[in-house]
Amino acid sequence: MHPTDPKTVIRVAREAGGETHVEPLDLGLRVRELRRSHGWTLEEAATRAGLARSTLSKIENGQMSPTYEALKKLALGLAISVPQLFTPPSKAQITGRMAVTKAGEGQGQATATYEHELLAGSLPEKQMLPYRATIRARSLEEFSGWVRHDGEEFLYVLTGVIRLYTEFHEPVDLRRGDSAYYDAAMGHNVVSLSDEDATILWVTSLV
């Protein structure tokens, strides 16, 4: 590959009316978006790519045409393949977000029927809510009514045996390793059938 105009190094073919049109894309903008998706400064990204900060800045601002060797270094530094530099960004951008919760370090929330340990509590604006739940309830009579809320829900039995009651389905007994995925707007309750409180992993969607 030979150096080309940085404003047109990436191209996308589109079919319209039976003809193929080539739409130029901005390589500098693509590189900047990839860098920012990792939360890296120019200095950090340049160091990872083995390039001078000024060189990376010029590439991002369309002030220079990168050589193929520079493109390979960029791809390596951004932890992607060279072809991905030539791929238009999708709606789902990489954010690099991550949260680790060590055992027993989740945020505790207790109710009369469940004891929740919220996981990834330090991560704001999550699209799902994961938590470990200890099931204290032993019968439906312990609930004041159906639990229902927006979104969808997934549960995975960690220990013990539970009975999942839902508004439109027959009750189902689940043991360690069993799981269920359901519409959380449908009334639902969970009770433990074990001598000891059962525990489950619960994940609720927030969108």
Protein backbone atom coordinates (compact mmCIF):
# COMPACT_ATOMS: atom_id res chain seq x y z
CA MET A 1 0.00 0.00 0.00
CA HIS A 2 1.26 3.47 -0.85
CA PRO A 3 0.53 6.59 1.19
CA THR A 4 -2.67 8.26 0.08
CA ASP A 5 -4.68 11.34 0.90
CA PRO A 6 -5.58 10.92 4.62
CA LYS A 7 -9.05 12.24 3.91
CA THR A 8 -9.83 9.40 1.49
CA VAL A 9 -7.75 6.48 2.71
CA ILE A 10 -10.88 4.71 3.96
CA ARG A 11 -13.65 4.08 1.46
CA VAL A 12 -17.10 2.51 1.68
CA ALA A 13 -18.86 1.03 -1.35
CA ARG A 14 -22.62 1.50 -1.47
CA GLU A 15 -25.18 0.17 -3.91
CA ALA A 16 -27.75 2.74 -5.07
CA GLY A 17 -29.90 2.43 -8.17
CA GLY A 18 -27.75 -0.43 -9.42
CA GLU A 19 -24.60 1.68 -9.35
CA THR A 20 -21.70 1.51 -6.92
CA HIS A 21 -20.71 4.77 -5.27
CA VAL A 22 -17.56 5.33 -3.27
CA GLU A 23 -17.90 7.53 -0.22
CA PRO A 24 -14.65 8.87 1.26
CA LEU A 25 -14.22 8.65 5.01
CA ASP A 26 -11.81 10.52 7.25
CA LEU A 27 -8.96 8.31 8.52
CA GLY A 28 -7.91 10.94 11.02
CA LEU A 29 -11.40 11.04 12.51
CA ARG A 30 -11.51 7.25 12.62
CA VAL A 31 -8.18 7.09 14.51
CA ARG A 32 -9.31 9.81 16.93
CA GLU A 33 -12.57 7.99 17.68
CA LEU A 34 -10.72 4.73 18.30
CA ARG A 35 -8.24 6.45 20.61
CA ARG A 36 -10.95 8.21 22.58
CA SER A 37 -12.98 5.01 22.90
CA HIS A 38 -10.09 3.67 24.98
CA GLY A 39 -9.93 6.87 27.01
CA TRP A 40 -6.32 7.51 25.92
CA THR A 41 -4.64 10.87 25.50
CA LEU A 42 -2.62 11.60 22.38
CA GLU A 43 0.54 10.94 24.40
CA GLU A 44 -0.69 7.58 25.67
CA ALA A 45 -1.86 6.38 22.26
CA ALA A 46 1.34 7.55 20.56
CA THR A 47 3.46 5.71 23.12
CA ARG A 48 1.46 2.51 22.63
CA ALA A 49 1.80 2.80 18.86
CA GLY A 50 5.48 3.67 18.94
CA LEU A 51 4.86 6.96 17.15
CA ALA A 52 5.76 10.52 18.01
CA ARG A 53 2.92 12.48 19.58
CA SER A 54 3.24 15.10 16.86
CA THR A 55 2.94 12.41 14.18
CA LEU A 56 -0.25 11.01 15.67
CA SER A 57 -1.65 14.51 16.05
CA LYS A 58 -0.99 15.25 12.37
CA ILE A 59 -2.64 11.98 11.32
CA GLU A 60 -5.75 12.72 13.40
CA ASN A 61 -5.97 16.23 11.99
CA GLY A 62 -5.47 15.14 8.38
CA GLN A 63 -2.17 16.98 8.09
CA MET A 64 -0.14 14.01 6.88
CA SER A 65 -0.56 10.74 4.99
CA PRO A 66 0.56 7.77 7.12
CA THR A 67 2.80 5.16 5.55
CA TYR A 68 1.82 1.52 5.69
CA GLU A 69 4.36 0.99 8.48
CA ALA A 70 2.71 3.78 10.45
CA LEU A 71 -0.70 2.20 9.85
CA LYS A 72 0.57 -1.13 11.19
CA LYS A 73 1.92 0.60 14.30
CA LEU A 74 -1.39 2.42 14.77
CA ALA A 75 -3.37 -0.80 14.52
CA LEU A 76 -1.07 -2.55 16.99
CA GLY A 77 -1.25 0.34 19.42
CA LEU A 78 -5.05 0.48 19.19
CA ALA A 79 -5.28 -3.32 19.65
CA ILE A 80 -7.06 -3.85 16.33
CA SER A 81 -6.17 -5.24 12.92
CA VAL A 82 -5.09 -3.04 10.03
CA PRO A 83 -8.37 -3.74 8.12
CA GLN A 84 -10.32 -2.38 11.08
CA LEU A 85 -8.71 0.99 10.47
CA PHE A 86 -10.48 0.92 7.12
CA THR A 87 -13.85 -0.05 8.58
CA PRO A 88 -16.40 2.69 9.26
CA PRO A 89 -17.29 3.04 12.94
CA SER A 90 -20.42 1.21 14.01
CA LYS A 91 -23.08 2.58 16.31
CA ALA A 92 -21.67 0.50 19.15
CA GLN A 93 -18.40 2.22 20.07
CA ILE A 94 -15.81 0.57 22.30
CA THR A 95 -15.78 2.27 25.68
CA GLY A 96 -13.32 0.06 27.55
CA ARG A 97 -15.51 0.28 30.66
CA MET A 98 -14.92 -2.36 33.31
CA ALA A 99 -15.74 -2.99 36.95
CA VAL A 100 -14.49 -5.79 39.19
CA THR A 101 -16.33 -6.85 42.34
CA LYS A 102 -14.49 -9.24 44.63
CA ALA A 103 -16.47 -11.85 46.57
CA GLY A 104 -18.37 -10.29 49.45
CA GLU A 105 -17.54 -6.72 48.40
CA GLY A 106 -20.82 -5.92 46.63
CA GLN A 107 -23.28 -3.35 47.94
CA GLY A 108 -25.72 -5.04 50.29
CA GLN A 109 -29.49 -4.42 50.20
CA ALA A 110 -31.76 -6.55 52.38
CA THR A 111 -35.54 -7.03 52.23
CA ALA A 112 -37.89 -9.37 54.07
CA THR A 113 -37.76 -11.92 51.23
CA TYR A 114 -34.40 -11.36 49.49
CA GLU A 115 -30.92 -10.21 50.40
CA HIS A 116 -29.21 -8.57 47.43
CA GLU A 117 -25.51 -7.98 46.84
CA LEU A 118 -25.26 -5.46 44.00
CA LEU A 119 -22.34 -6.07 41.64
CA ALA A 120 -20.37 -3.55 39.54
CA GLY A 121 -21.80 -0.80 41.73
CA SER A 122 -18.99 1.62 40.84
CA LEU A 123 -19.97 1.65 37.17
CA PRO A 124 -22.43 4.47 36.34
CA GLU A 125 -25.12 4.38 33.65
CA LYS A 126 -25.14 0.60 33.28
CA GLN A 127 -27.46 -1.06 30.77
CA MET A 128 -27.99 -4.03 33.06
CA LEU A 129 -28.05 -4.54 36.80
CA PRO A 130 -26.22 -7.67 38.05
CA TYR A 131 -26.58 -8.85 41.63
CA ARG A 132 -26.20 -11.94 43.78
CA ALA A 133 -29.35 -12.70 45.74
CA THR A 134 -29.94 -14.83 48.81
CA ILE A 135 -33.51 -16.13 48.78
CA ARG A 136 -35.03 -15.98 52.25
CA ALA A 137 -38.69 -16.46 51.32
CA ARG A 138 -40.18 -19.94 51.63
CA SER A 139 -43.72 -19.29 50.38
CA LEU A 140 -45.71 -16.87 48.22
CA GLU A 141 -47.55 -15.67 51.31
CA GLU A 142 -44.41 -13.82 52.38
CA PHE A 143 -44.80 -11.43 49.43
CA SER A 144 -47.28 -8.54 49.36
CA GLY A 145 -47.95 -9.26 45.68
CA TRP A 146 -46.18 -9.83 42.39
CA VAL A 147 -42.80 -8.24 41.79
CA ARG A 148 -42.84 -6.54 38.39
CA HIS A 149 -40.72 -3.87 36.71
CA ASP A 150 -39.54 -2.72 33.29
CA GLY A 151 -37.00 -4.68 31.24
CA GLU A 152 -36.07 -8.34 31.03
CA GLU A 153 -34.44 -10.52 33.64
CA PHE A 154 -32.10 -13.50 33.80
CA LEU A 155 -31.48 -15.68 36.82
CA TYR A 156 -28.95 -18.47 37.37
CA VAL A 157 -29.10 -20.74 40.42
CA LEU A 158 -25.81 -20.80 42.33
CA THR A 159 -26.75 -22.92 45.35
CA GLY A 160 -29.84 -24.72 46.61
CA VAL A 161 -33.21 -25.19 44.96
CA ILE A 162 -35.68 -22.41 44.10
CA ARG A 163 -39.21 -22.22 42.79
CA LEU A 164 -39.89 -19.51 40.22
CA TYR A 165 -43.48 -18.28 40.18
CA THR A 166 -44.63 -16.20 37.21
CA GLU A 167 -47.92 -14.58 36.36
CA PHE A 168 -48.59 -16.45 33.11
CA HIS A 169 -46.73 -19.75 33.55
CA GLU A 170 -46.78 -22.74 35.85
CA PRO A 171 -44.26 -22.63 38.73
CA VAL A 172 -40.90 -24.17 37.85
CA ASP A 173 -38.31 -25.65 40.22
CA LEU A 174 -34.69 -24.80 39.44
CA ARG A 175 -31.51 -26.28 40.89
CA ARG A 176 -27.84 -25.35 40.84
CA GLY A 177 -26.81 -24.65 37.25
CA ASP A 178 -30.39 -24.08 36.02
CA SER A 179 -31.41 -20.70 34.66
CA ALA A 180 -34.40 -18.72 33.44
CA TYR A 181 -34.89 -15.65 31.25
CA TYR A 182 -38.20 -13.80 31.35
CA ASP A 183 -40.11 -10.58 30.85
CA ALA A 184 -39.70 -8.67 34.10
CA ALA A 185 -42.95 -6.74 33.52
CA MET A 186 -44.69 -10.07 34.07
CA GLY A 187 -45.38 -10.66 37.74
CA HIS A 188 -42.75 -12.93 39.31
CA ASN A 189 -41.55 -14.18 42.69
CA VAL A 190 -38.85 -16.60 43.81
CA VAL A 191 -38.83 -18.78 46.92
CA SER A 192 -36.24 -21.18 48.29
CA LEU A 193 -37.12 -24.88 48.62
CA SER A 194 -33.84 -25.70 50.35
CA ASP A 195 -33.31 -26.08 54.08
CA GLU A 196 -30.77 -23.30 53.75
CA ASP A 197 -31.37 -20.08 51.83
CA ALA A 198 -30.73 -20.60 48.11
CA THR A 199 -28.52 -18.15 46.21
CA ILE A 200 -28.88 -16.99 42.63
CA LEU A 201 -27.22 -14.63 40.19
CA TRP A 202 -29.78 -12.13 38.91
CA VAL A 203 -29.27 -9.80 35.95
CA THR A 204 -31.88 -7.18 35.11
CA SER A 205 -31.83 -5.12 31.90
CA LEU A 206 -32.17 -1.35 32.36
CA VAL A 207 -33.08 -0.51 28.75
